[in-house]
């Protein structure tokens, strides 16, 4: 299950059920659904540098699960995000996402391997950090202020899902990221 940290809270997991319900009220859905891949595709999970054919095979195997989760409806585009600190992702590249921004598109993520962190600016709650690992998923509606970074593992393989076929526009908001516990 995703782990939570709330700005100004000394607790690492402040009322997860309450937070999940509050997030759902804002259209943000989170959860955990175990990964089940055929044995021949399990070897691709978490491997860096998959070629286009390998990526498509892995994505096709995950499509039924992603459809069941309904991370983004209607789903018009999906891809496999592969980041590894110092190899596929420079610090400059990662810094672009580590600032609060919004998109004009709904965004979904399903973590296949590794870990990532999302920061959310939430009305009435403040700033929230979600740490996601394998099997965790997240849906963020268009216009939601958020930032993104690699998690403790320093690598990530995740399916990105979008509700528009065209490239997603990013608008930086200028909101400072507050330090969070944990």
N, C-alpha and C. Protein backbone atom coordinates (compact mmCIF):
# COMPACT_ATOMS: atom_id res chain seq x y z
N UNK A 1 0.86 -1.19 0.00
CA UNK A 1 0.00 0.00 0.00
C UNK A 1 0.90 1.24 0.00
N UNK A 2 0.50 2.26 -0.74
CA UNK A 2 1.28 3.49 -0.72
C UNK A 2 1.47 4.01 0.70
N UNK A 3 2.60 4.65 0.93
CA UNK A 3 2.87 5.24 2.23
C UNK A 3 2.66 6.75 2.12
N UNK A 4 2.15 7.36 3.21
CA UNK A 4 1.77 8.76 3.21
C UNK A 4 2.63 9.55 4.18
N UNK A 5 2.89 10.79 3.85
CA UNK A 5 3.46 11.76 4.78
C UNK A 5 2.78 13.08 4.50
N UNK A 6 2.33 13.77 5.55
CA UNK A 6 1.61 15.02 5.42
C UNK A 6 2.45 16.14 6.02
N UNK A 7 2.61 17.25 5.29
CA UNK A 7 3.39 18.38 5.79
C UNK A 7 2.84 18.83 7.14
N UNK A 8 3.73 19.06 8.10
CA UNK A 8 3.33 19.50 9.42
C UNK A 8 2.91 18.38 10.34
N UNK A 9 2.91 17.15 9.88
CA UNK A 9 2.51 16.01 10.71
C UNK A 9 3.73 15.19 11.08
N UNK A 10 3.93 14.89 12.37
CA UNK A 10 5.07 14.08 12.77
C UNK A 10 4.88 12.60 12.43
N UNK A 11 3.68 12.20 12.06
CA UNK A 11 3.41 10.79 11.78
C UNK A 11 3.79 10.46 10.35
N UNK A 12 4.25 9.24 10.14
CA UNK A 12 4.56 8.80 8.79
C UNK A 12 3.30 8.34 8.05
N UNK A 13 2.33 7.78 8.76
CA UNK A 13 1.10 7.28 8.15
C UNK A 13 -0.10 7.91 8.85
N UNK A 14 -0.37 9.20 8.64
CA UNK A 14 -1.46 9.85 9.37
C UNK A 14 -2.83 9.44 8.83
N UNK A 15 -3.49 8.51 9.50
CA UNK A 15 -4.85 8.11 9.17
C UNK A 15 -5.04 7.75 7.71
N UNK A 16 -4.43 6.67 7.27
CA UNK A 16 -4.46 6.30 5.85
C UNK A 16 -5.89 6.21 5.32
N UNK A 17 -6.81 5.62 6.06
CA UNK A 17 -8.19 5.49 5.59
C UNK A 17 -8.84 6.85 5.38
N UNK A 18 -8.58 7.78 6.29
CA UNK A 18 -9.13 9.13 6.18
C UNK A 18 -8.53 9.84 4.97
N UNK A 19 -7.22 9.68 4.77
CA UNK A 19 -6.57 10.31 3.63
C UNK A 19 -7.07 9.74 2.31
N UNK A 20 -7.21 8.43 2.22
CA UNK A 20 -7.70 7.81 0.98
C UNK A 20 -9.10 8.32 0.67
N UNK A 21 -9.95 8.43 1.68
CA UNK A 21 -11.31 8.94 1.46
C UNK A 21 -11.28 10.40 1.04
N UNK A 22 -10.42 11.21 1.66
CA UNK A 22 -10.30 12.62 1.28
C UNK A 22 -9.80 12.76 -0.15
N UNK A 23 -8.82 11.94 -0.51
CA UNK A 23 -8.29 11.97 -1.87
C UNK A 23 -9.36 11.56 -2.88
N UNK A 24 -10.14 10.53 -2.56
CA UNK A 24 -11.19 10.08 -3.47
C UNK A 24 -12.20 11.20 -3.71
N UNK A 25 -12.48 11.99 -2.69
CA UNK A 25 -13.39 13.12 -2.83
C UNK A 25 -12.87 14.18 -3.80
N UNK A 26 -11.56 14.18 -4.03
CA UNK A 26 -10.93 15.12 -4.98
C UNK A 26 -10.69 14.46 -6.34
N UNK A 27 -11.15 13.22 -6.48
CA UNK A 27 -10.96 12.51 -7.75
C UNK A 27 -9.63 11.79 -7.85
N UNK A 28 -8.86 11.78 -6.76
CA UNK A 28 -7.55 11.11 -6.74
C UNK A 28 -7.77 9.71 -6.17
N UNK A 29 -7.40 8.71 -6.95
CA UNK A 29 -7.57 7.32 -6.50
C UNK A 29 -6.21 6.68 -6.32
N UNK A 30 -6.06 5.96 -5.22
CA UNK A 30 -4.82 5.23 -4.96
C UNK A 30 -5.17 3.82 -4.49
N UNK A 31 -4.25 2.92 -4.68
CA UNK A 31 -4.47 1.57 -4.21
C UNK A 31 -3.30 0.67 -4.55
N UNK A 32 -3.45 -0.58 -4.24
CA UNK A 32 -2.43 -1.59 -4.52
C UNK A 32 -3.12 -2.80 -5.12
N UNK A 33 -2.60 -3.27 -6.23
CA UNK A 33 -3.07 -4.48 -6.88
C UNK A 33 -1.85 -5.27 -7.30
N UNK A 34 -1.69 -6.47 -6.77
CA UNK A 34 -0.49 -7.26 -7.07
C UNK A 34 -0.27 -7.47 -8.57
N UNK A 35 0.98 -7.58 -8.93
CA UNK A 35 1.39 -7.81 -10.31
C UNK A 35 1.40 -9.31 -10.57
N UNK A 36 0.73 -9.72 -11.65
CA UNK A 36 0.73 -11.13 -12.06
C UNK A 36 1.08 -11.16 -13.54
N UNK A 37 2.29 -11.58 -13.83
CA UNK A 37 2.76 -11.66 -15.22
C UNK A 37 3.08 -13.09 -15.59
N UNK A 38 2.89 -13.45 -16.86
CA UNK A 38 3.35 -14.77 -17.30
C UNK A 38 4.85 -14.90 -17.06
N UNK A 39 5.30 -16.10 -16.79
CA UNK A 39 6.71 -16.34 -16.45
C UNK A 39 7.66 -15.77 -17.48
N UNK A 40 7.32 -15.87 -18.78
CA UNK A 40 8.23 -15.37 -19.80
C UNK A 40 8.36 -13.84 -19.80
N UNK A 41 7.39 -13.15 -19.19
CA UNK A 41 7.47 -11.69 -19.12
C UNK A 41 7.99 -11.20 -17.77
N UNK A 42 7.98 -12.06 -16.78
CA UNK A 42 8.46 -11.66 -15.45
C UNK A 42 9.91 -11.18 -15.52
N UNK A 43 10.70 -11.77 -16.41
CA UNK A 43 12.11 -11.37 -16.54
C UNK A 43 12.26 -9.94 -17.04
N UNK A 44 11.24 -9.39 -17.70
CA UNK A 44 11.30 -8.01 -18.20
C UNK A 44 11.00 -6.99 -17.10
N UNK A 45 10.34 -7.45 -16.05
CA UNK A 45 9.95 -6.55 -14.97
C UNK A 45 11.18 -6.01 -14.27
N UNK A 46 11.32 -4.69 -14.28
CA UNK A 46 12.42 -4.04 -13.60
C UNK A 46 13.72 -3.99 -14.39
N UNK A 47 13.75 -4.58 -15.57
CA UNK A 47 14.96 -4.55 -16.38
C UNK A 47 15.09 -3.20 -17.07
N UNK A 48 16.26 -2.57 -16.98
CA UNK A 48 16.44 -1.27 -17.64
C UNK A 48 16.60 -1.44 -19.15
N UNK A 49 16.25 -0.42 -19.87
CA UNK A 49 16.54 -0.37 -21.30
C UNK A 49 15.78 -1.35 -22.17
N UNK A 50 14.53 -1.64 -21.84
CA UNK A 50 13.76 -2.52 -22.70
C UNK A 50 13.55 -1.87 -24.06
N UNK A 51 13.66 -2.68 -25.12
CA UNK A 51 13.42 -2.11 -26.45
C UNK A 51 11.91 -1.98 -26.68
N UNK A 52 11.52 -1.37 -27.79
CA UNK A 52 10.11 -1.08 -28.05
C UNK A 52 9.27 -2.35 -28.07
N UNK A 53 9.78 -3.43 -28.65
CA UNK A 53 9.03 -4.68 -28.68
C UNK A 53 8.83 -5.27 -27.30
N UNK A 54 9.86 -5.25 -26.47
CA UNK A 54 9.75 -5.77 -25.10
C UNK A 54 8.77 -4.92 -24.29
N UNK A 55 8.86 -3.59 -24.46
CA UNK A 55 7.94 -2.70 -23.76
C UNK A 55 6.50 -3.01 -24.13
N UNK A 56 6.24 -3.18 -25.41
CA UNK A 56 4.87 -3.44 -25.87
C UNK A 56 4.37 -4.79 -25.36
N UNK A 57 5.22 -5.80 -25.32
CA UNK A 57 4.81 -7.11 -24.78
C UNK A 57 4.43 -6.99 -23.30
N UNK A 58 5.24 -6.25 -22.54
CA UNK A 58 4.96 -6.06 -21.12
C UNK A 58 3.66 -5.27 -20.94
N UNK A 59 3.51 -4.19 -21.70
CA UNK A 59 2.29 -3.38 -21.61
C UNK A 59 1.05 -4.19 -21.99
N UNK A 60 1.14 -4.97 -23.06
CA UNK A 60 0.00 -5.78 -23.49
C UNK A 60 -0.41 -6.78 -22.41
N UNK A 61 0.58 -7.34 -21.71
CA UNK A 61 0.28 -8.28 -20.63
C UNK A 61 -0.41 -7.59 -19.46
N UNK A 62 -0.11 -6.31 -19.25
CA UNK A 62 -0.70 -5.56 -18.14
C UNK A 62 -2.03 -4.91 -18.51
N UNK A 63 -2.34 -4.79 -19.80
CA UNK A 63 -3.55 -4.09 -20.23
C UNK A 63 -4.83 -4.58 -19.56
N UNK A 64 -5.08 -5.90 -19.42
CA UNK A 64 -6.32 -6.33 -18.76
C UNK A 64 -6.42 -5.81 -17.32
N UNK A 65 -5.31 -5.86 -16.58
CA UNK A 65 -5.31 -5.35 -15.21
C UNK A 65 -5.56 -3.85 -15.20
N UNK A 66 -4.90 -3.11 -16.08
CA UNK A 66 -5.06 -1.66 -16.13
C UNK A 66 -6.49 -1.28 -16.48
N UNK A 67 -7.11 -2.02 -17.38
CA UNK A 67 -8.51 -1.77 -17.74
C UNK A 67 -9.42 -2.03 -16.54
N UNK A 68 -9.13 -3.10 -15.80
CA UNK A 68 -9.93 -3.43 -14.63
C UNK A 68 -9.82 -2.35 -13.56
N UNK A 69 -8.63 -1.78 -13.39
CA UNK A 69 -8.42 -0.73 -12.40
C UNK A 69 -9.06 0.59 -12.80
N UNK A 70 -9.25 0.80 -14.11
CA UNK A 70 -9.86 2.05 -14.58
C UNK A 70 -9.08 3.28 -14.16
N UNK A 71 -7.74 3.20 -14.25
CA UNK A 71 -6.92 4.31 -13.79
C UNK A 71 -7.18 5.60 -14.54
N UNK A 72 -7.45 5.53 -15.81
CA UNK A 72 -7.81 6.70 -16.60
C UNK A 72 -8.90 6.29 -17.58
N UNK A 73 -10.03 6.95 -17.52
CA UNK A 73 -11.14 6.65 -18.43
C UNK A 73 -11.48 7.91 -19.19
N UNK A 74 -11.61 7.99 -20.46
CA UNK A 74 -11.23 6.90 -21.35
C UNK A 74 -9.72 6.88 -21.55
N UNK A 75 -9.19 5.71 -21.61
CA UNK A 75 -7.75 5.54 -21.83
C UNK A 75 -7.47 5.70 -23.33
N UNK A 76 -6.67 6.70 -23.66
CA UNK A 76 -6.32 6.91 -25.06
C UNK A 76 -4.85 6.67 -25.34
N UNK A 77 -4.04 6.70 -24.28
CA UNK A 77 -2.60 6.54 -24.52
C UNK A 77 -1.97 5.96 -23.26
N UNK A 78 -0.96 5.10 -23.48
CA UNK A 78 -0.20 4.55 -22.36
C UNK A 78 1.20 4.28 -22.85
N UNK A 79 2.16 4.36 -21.93
CA UNK A 79 3.53 4.02 -22.26
C UNK A 79 4.23 3.48 -21.02
N UNK A 80 5.44 2.97 -21.23
CA UNK A 80 6.21 2.42 -20.12
C UNK A 80 7.31 3.41 -19.77
N UNK A 81 7.25 3.94 -18.58
CA UNK A 81 8.26 4.87 -18.09
C UNK A 81 9.38 4.06 -17.44
N UNK A 82 10.61 4.26 -17.91
CA UNK A 82 11.76 3.55 -17.37
C UNK A 82 12.81 4.58 -16.96
N UNK A 83 13.00 4.75 -15.66
CA UNK A 83 13.96 5.72 -15.15
C UNK A 83 14.93 5.02 -14.20
N UNK A 84 16.17 5.37 -14.30
CA UNK A 84 17.20 4.85 -13.40
C UNK A 84 18.17 6.00 -13.15
N UNK A 85 18.25 6.41 -11.88
CA UNK A 85 19.10 7.56 -11.52
C UNK A 85 20.52 7.33 -12.04
N UNK A 86 21.05 8.33 -12.75
CA UNK A 86 22.42 8.28 -13.23
C UNK A 86 22.59 7.55 -14.55
N UNK A 87 21.56 6.85 -15.02
CA UNK A 87 21.66 6.14 -16.30
C UNK A 87 20.66 6.69 -17.29
N UNK A 88 19.38 6.42 -17.08
CA UNK A 88 18.36 6.91 -18.01
C UNK A 88 17.78 8.24 -17.58
N UNK A 89 18.07 8.68 -16.37
CA UNK A 89 17.48 9.91 -15.86
C UNK A 89 18.57 10.78 -15.22
N UNK A 90 18.87 11.90 -15.83
CA UNK A 90 19.82 12.83 -15.23
C UNK A 90 19.12 13.61 -14.13
N UNK A 91 19.90 14.19 -13.25
CA UNK A 91 19.32 15.00 -12.17
C UNK A 91 18.56 16.18 -12.75
N UNK A 92 19.05 16.75 -13.87
CA UNK A 92 18.35 17.86 -14.51
C UNK A 92 16.99 17.42 -15.02
N UNK A 93 16.95 16.25 -15.63
CA UNK A 93 15.69 15.70 -16.14
C UNK A 93 14.70 15.48 -14.99
N UNK A 94 15.17 14.88 -13.92
CA UNK A 94 14.30 14.62 -12.77
C UNK A 94 13.84 15.91 -12.10
N UNK A 95 14.69 16.94 -12.09
CA UNK A 95 14.36 18.20 -11.44
C UNK A 95 13.15 18.88 -12.10
N UNK A 96 12.95 18.64 -13.39
CA UNK A 96 11.79 19.23 -14.08
C UNK A 96 10.49 18.76 -13.46
N UNK A 97 10.44 17.51 -13.02
CA UNK A 97 9.22 16.95 -12.47
C UNK A 97 9.10 17.17 -10.96
N UNK A 98 10.19 17.57 -10.32
CA UNK A 98 10.22 17.73 -8.86
C UNK A 98 9.71 19.09 -8.41
N UNK A 99 9.09 19.82 -9.32
CA UNK A 99 8.47 21.11 -9.00
C UNK A 99 6.96 20.96 -9.17
N UNK A 100 6.20 21.69 -8.35
CA UNK A 100 4.75 21.61 -8.47
C UNK A 100 4.31 22.06 -9.85
N UNK A 101 3.42 21.24 -10.45
CA UNK A 101 2.89 21.54 -11.77
C UNK A 101 1.50 20.91 -11.91
N UNK A 102 0.82 21.28 -12.96
CA UNK A 102 -0.46 20.67 -13.31
C UNK A 102 -0.39 20.22 -14.76
N UNK A 103 -1.35 19.37 -15.15
CA UNK A 103 -1.50 18.94 -16.53
C UNK A 103 -2.94 19.18 -16.94
N UNK A 104 -3.14 19.32 -18.23
CA UNK A 104 -4.50 19.47 -18.75
C UNK A 104 -5.10 18.11 -19.09
N UNK A 105 -4.53 17.07 -18.56
CA UNK A 105 -4.91 15.69 -18.86
C UNK A 105 -4.96 14.90 -17.57
N UNK A 106 -5.90 13.94 -17.49
CA UNK A 106 -5.87 13.00 -16.38
C UNK A 106 -4.62 12.13 -16.55
N UNK A 107 -4.06 11.72 -15.42
CA UNK A 107 -2.82 10.94 -15.44
C UNK A 107 -2.98 9.75 -14.51
N UNK A 108 -2.55 8.60 -14.96
CA UNK A 108 -2.56 7.40 -14.13
C UNK A 108 -1.18 6.79 -14.12
N UNK A 109 -0.84 6.12 -13.04
CA UNK A 109 0.43 5.39 -12.93
C UNK A 109 0.18 4.06 -12.27
N UNK A 110 0.88 3.05 -12.77
CA UNK A 110 0.90 1.74 -12.15
C UNK A 110 2.36 1.34 -12.05
N UNK A 111 2.86 1.15 -10.83
CA UNK A 111 4.28 0.85 -10.62
C UNK A 111 4.51 -0.65 -10.84
N UNK A 112 5.38 -0.95 -11.79
CA UNK A 112 5.72 -2.33 -12.12
C UNK A 112 6.92 -2.79 -11.29
N UNK A 113 7.94 -1.91 -11.18
CA UNK A 113 9.16 -2.23 -10.41
C UNK A 113 9.76 -0.93 -9.91
N UNK A 114 10.57 -1.01 -8.86
CA UNK A 114 11.22 0.18 -8.31
C UNK A 114 10.25 0.97 -7.45
N UNK A 115 10.49 2.29 -7.38
CA UNK A 115 9.65 3.13 -6.53
C UNK A 115 9.65 4.56 -7.05
N UNK A 116 8.60 5.28 -6.65
CA UNK A 116 8.50 6.69 -6.99
C UNK A 116 7.77 7.42 -5.87
N UNK A 117 7.80 8.73 -5.95
CA UNK A 117 7.16 9.58 -4.96
C UNK A 117 6.34 10.63 -5.72
N UNK A 118 5.12 10.84 -5.28
CA UNK A 118 4.30 11.93 -5.78
C UNK A 118 4.01 12.86 -4.62
N UNK A 119 4.14 14.16 -4.86
CA UNK A 119 3.72 15.17 -3.90
C UNK A 119 2.45 15.80 -4.44
N UNK A 120 1.48 16.01 -3.57
CA UNK A 120 0.20 16.60 -3.97
C UNK A 120 -0.09 17.80 -3.10
N UNK A 121 -0.56 18.89 -3.70
CA UNK A 121 -1.05 20.05 -2.95
C UNK A 121 -2.56 19.93 -2.90
N UNK A 122 -3.10 19.73 -1.71
CA UNK A 122 -4.52 19.40 -1.57
C UNK A 122 -5.26 20.46 -0.77
N UNK A 123 -6.37 20.95 -1.31
CA UNK A 123 -7.16 21.94 -0.59
C UNK A 123 -7.62 21.38 0.76
N UNK A 124 -7.37 22.13 1.81
CA UNK A 124 -7.80 21.73 3.14
C UNK A 124 -6.90 20.72 3.84
N UNK A 125 -5.98 20.10 3.11
CA UNK A 125 -5.08 19.12 3.71
C UNK A 125 -3.63 19.59 3.72
N UNK A 126 -3.26 20.46 2.82
CA UNK A 126 -1.86 20.88 2.69
C UNK A 126 -1.13 20.02 1.68
N UNK A 127 0.14 19.80 1.95
CA UNK A 127 0.96 19.02 1.03
C UNK A 127 1.10 17.59 1.54
N UNK A 128 0.93 16.67 0.63
CA UNK A 128 0.95 15.25 0.94
C UNK A 128 1.96 14.58 0.03
N UNK A 129 2.74 13.67 0.60
CA UNK A 129 3.67 12.87 -0.20
C UNK A 129 3.22 11.42 -0.17
N UNK A 130 3.15 10.83 -1.38
CA UNK A 130 2.80 9.42 -1.52
C UNK A 130 4.02 8.68 -2.04
N UNK A 131 4.46 7.66 -1.33
CA UNK A 131 5.55 6.80 -1.79
C UNK A 131 4.92 5.53 -2.35
N UNK A 132 5.25 5.24 -3.61
CA UNK A 132 4.64 4.10 -4.30
C UNK A 132 5.69 3.06 -4.66
N UNK A 133 5.31 1.80 -4.56
CA UNK A 133 6.18 0.69 -4.93
C UNK A 133 5.44 -0.27 -5.85
N UNK A 134 6.03 -1.43 -6.15
CA UNK A 134 5.42 -2.38 -7.09
C UNK A 134 3.98 -2.74 -6.71
N UNK A 135 3.11 -2.64 -7.72
CA UNK A 135 1.70 -2.94 -7.53
C UNK A 135 0.86 -1.75 -7.10
N UNK A 136 1.49 -0.67 -6.67
CA UNK A 136 0.74 0.53 -6.28
C UNK A 136 0.31 1.28 -7.52
N UNK A 137 -0.85 1.91 -7.42
CA UNK A 137 -1.34 2.71 -8.54
C UNK A 137 -1.99 3.99 -8.05
N UNK A 138 -2.04 4.96 -8.96
CA UNK A 138 -2.50 6.30 -8.63
C UNK A 138 -3.19 6.89 -9.85
N UNK A 139 -4.27 7.60 -9.63
CA UNK A 139 -4.95 8.37 -10.67
C UNK A 139 -5.07 9.80 -10.19
N UNK A 140 -4.58 10.72 -11.02
CA UNK A 140 -4.61 12.15 -10.69
C UNK A 140 -5.44 12.87 -11.75
N UNK A 141 -6.51 13.56 -11.36
CA UNK A 141 -7.32 14.28 -12.36
C UNK A 141 -6.57 15.49 -12.92
N UNK A 142 -6.95 15.89 -14.12
CA UNK A 142 -6.39 17.08 -14.75
C UNK A 142 -6.52 18.26 -13.78
N UNK A 143 -5.51 19.12 -13.76
CA UNK A 143 -5.54 20.32 -12.94
C UNK A 143 -5.06 20.14 -11.51
N UNK A 144 -4.75 18.93 -11.09
CA UNK A 144 -4.28 18.68 -9.72
C UNK A 144 -2.81 19.04 -9.61
N UNK A 145 -2.49 19.90 -8.64
CA UNK A 145 -1.09 20.29 -8.42
C UNK A 145 -0.32 19.12 -7.84
N UNK A 146 0.80 18.78 -8.47
CA UNK A 146 1.61 17.66 -7.99
C UNK A 146 3.05 17.79 -8.47
N UNK A 147 3.91 17.00 -7.86
CA UNK A 147 5.30 16.83 -8.32
C UNK A 147 5.60 15.35 -8.28
N UNK A 148 6.71 14.97 -8.91
CA UNK A 148 7.06 13.56 -9.05
C UNK A 148 8.56 13.40 -8.90
N UNK A 149 8.99 12.29 -8.28
CA UNK A 149 10.41 11.97 -8.18
C UNK A 149 10.62 10.48 -8.04
N UNK A 150 11.86 10.07 -8.23
CA UNK A 150 12.22 8.67 -7.99
C UNK A 150 12.17 8.40 -6.50
N UNK A 151 11.84 7.19 -6.13
CA UNK A 151 11.80 6.81 -4.73
C UNK A 151 13.15 6.32 -4.24
N UNK A 152 13.14 5.66 -3.10
CA UNK A 152 14.37 5.21 -2.44
C UNK A 152 15.20 4.25 -3.28
N UNK A 153 14.56 3.48 -4.16
CA UNK A 153 15.30 2.50 -4.95
C UNK A 153 16.17 3.15 -6.03
N UNK A 154 15.84 4.38 -6.43
CA UNK A 154 16.60 5.08 -7.47
C UNK A 154 16.28 4.62 -8.87
N UNK A 155 15.28 3.74 -9.00
CA UNK A 155 14.85 3.34 -10.33
C UNK A 155 13.34 3.11 -10.33
N UNK A 156 12.76 3.17 -11.53
CA UNK A 156 11.32 3.02 -11.66
C UNK A 156 10.98 2.44 -13.02
N UNK A 157 10.08 1.51 -13.00
CA UNK A 157 9.43 1.03 -14.22
C UNK A 157 7.94 1.13 -13.92
N UNK A 158 7.24 1.98 -14.67
CA UNK A 158 5.82 2.21 -14.40
C UNK A 158 5.07 2.46 -15.70
N UNK A 159 3.82 2.07 -15.70
CA UNK A 159 2.95 2.38 -16.83
C UNK A 159 2.36 3.76 -16.57
N UNK A 160 2.49 4.64 -17.57
CA UNK A 160 1.82 5.95 -17.53
C UNK A 160 0.60 5.85 -18.42
N UNK A 161 -0.52 6.35 -17.93
CA UNK A 161 -1.78 6.30 -18.66
C UNK A 161 -2.32 7.71 -18.79
N UNK A 162 -2.86 8.02 -19.97
CA UNK A 162 -3.36 9.35 -20.24
C UNK A 162 -4.74 9.27 -20.88
N UNK A 163 -5.55 10.31 -20.68
CA UNK A 163 -6.90 10.33 -21.23
C UNK A 163 -6.98 11.11 -22.54
N UNK A 164 -5.87 11.62 -23.01
CA UNK A 164 -5.84 12.31 -24.30
C UNK A 164 -4.77 11.69 -25.17
N UNK A 165 -5.00 11.70 -26.46
CA UNK A 165 -4.04 11.11 -27.39
C UNK A 165 -2.85 12.03 -27.63
N UNK A 166 -3.05 13.33 -27.51
CA UNK A 166 -1.97 14.30 -27.78
C UNK A 166 -1.05 14.40 -26.57
N UNK A 167 0.12 15.02 -26.78
CA UNK A 167 1.09 15.22 -25.71
C UNK A 167 0.48 16.07 -24.60
N UNK A 168 0.79 15.74 -23.38
CA UNK A 168 0.25 16.40 -22.21
C UNK A 168 1.01 17.70 -21.95
N UNK A 169 0.28 18.79 -21.75
CA UNK A 169 0.90 20.08 -21.43
C UNK A 169 1.19 20.15 -19.93
N UNK A 170 2.34 20.73 -19.58
CA UNK A 170 2.74 20.90 -18.19
C UNK A 170 2.77 22.39 -17.87
N UNK A 171 2.11 22.78 -16.77
CA UNK A 171 2.11 24.16 -16.31
C UNK A 171 2.68 24.19 -14.91
N UNK A 172 3.82 24.88 -14.72
CA UNK A 172 4.43 24.99 -13.40
C UNK A 172 3.71 26.06 -12.60
N UNK A 173 3.43 25.76 -11.32
CA UNK A 173 2.62 26.67 -10.50
C UNK A 173 3.45 27.59 -9.62
N UNK A 174 4.69 27.26 -9.36
CA UNK A 174 5.53 28.08 -8.49
C UNK A 174 5.35 27.80 -7.01
N UNK A 175 4.47 26.92 -6.64
CA UNK A 175 4.27 26.57 -5.21
C UNK A 175 5.55 25.92 -4.70
N UNK A 176 6.08 26.38 -3.55
CA UNK A 176 7.26 25.73 -3.00
C UNK A 176 6.90 24.35 -2.40
N UNK A 177 7.80 23.40 -2.57
CA UNK A 177 7.63 22.08 -1.98
C UNK A 177 8.06 22.16 -0.52
N UNK A 178 7.17 21.86 0.40
CA UNK A 178 7.47 21.90 1.83
C UNK A 178 8.20 20.62 2.24
N UNK A 179 9.14 20.74 3.19
CA UNK A 179 9.77 19.52 3.71
C UNK A 179 8.71 18.67 4.40
N UNK A 180 8.84 17.37 4.21
CA UNK A 180 7.88 16.44 4.79
C UNK A 180 8.61 15.44 5.67
N UNK A 181 7.92 14.91 6.69
CA UNK A 181 8.57 13.92 7.56
C UNK A 181 8.87 12.65 6.80
N UNK A 182 9.83 11.89 7.32
CA UNK A 182 10.15 10.59 6.75
C UNK A 182 11.08 10.73 5.63
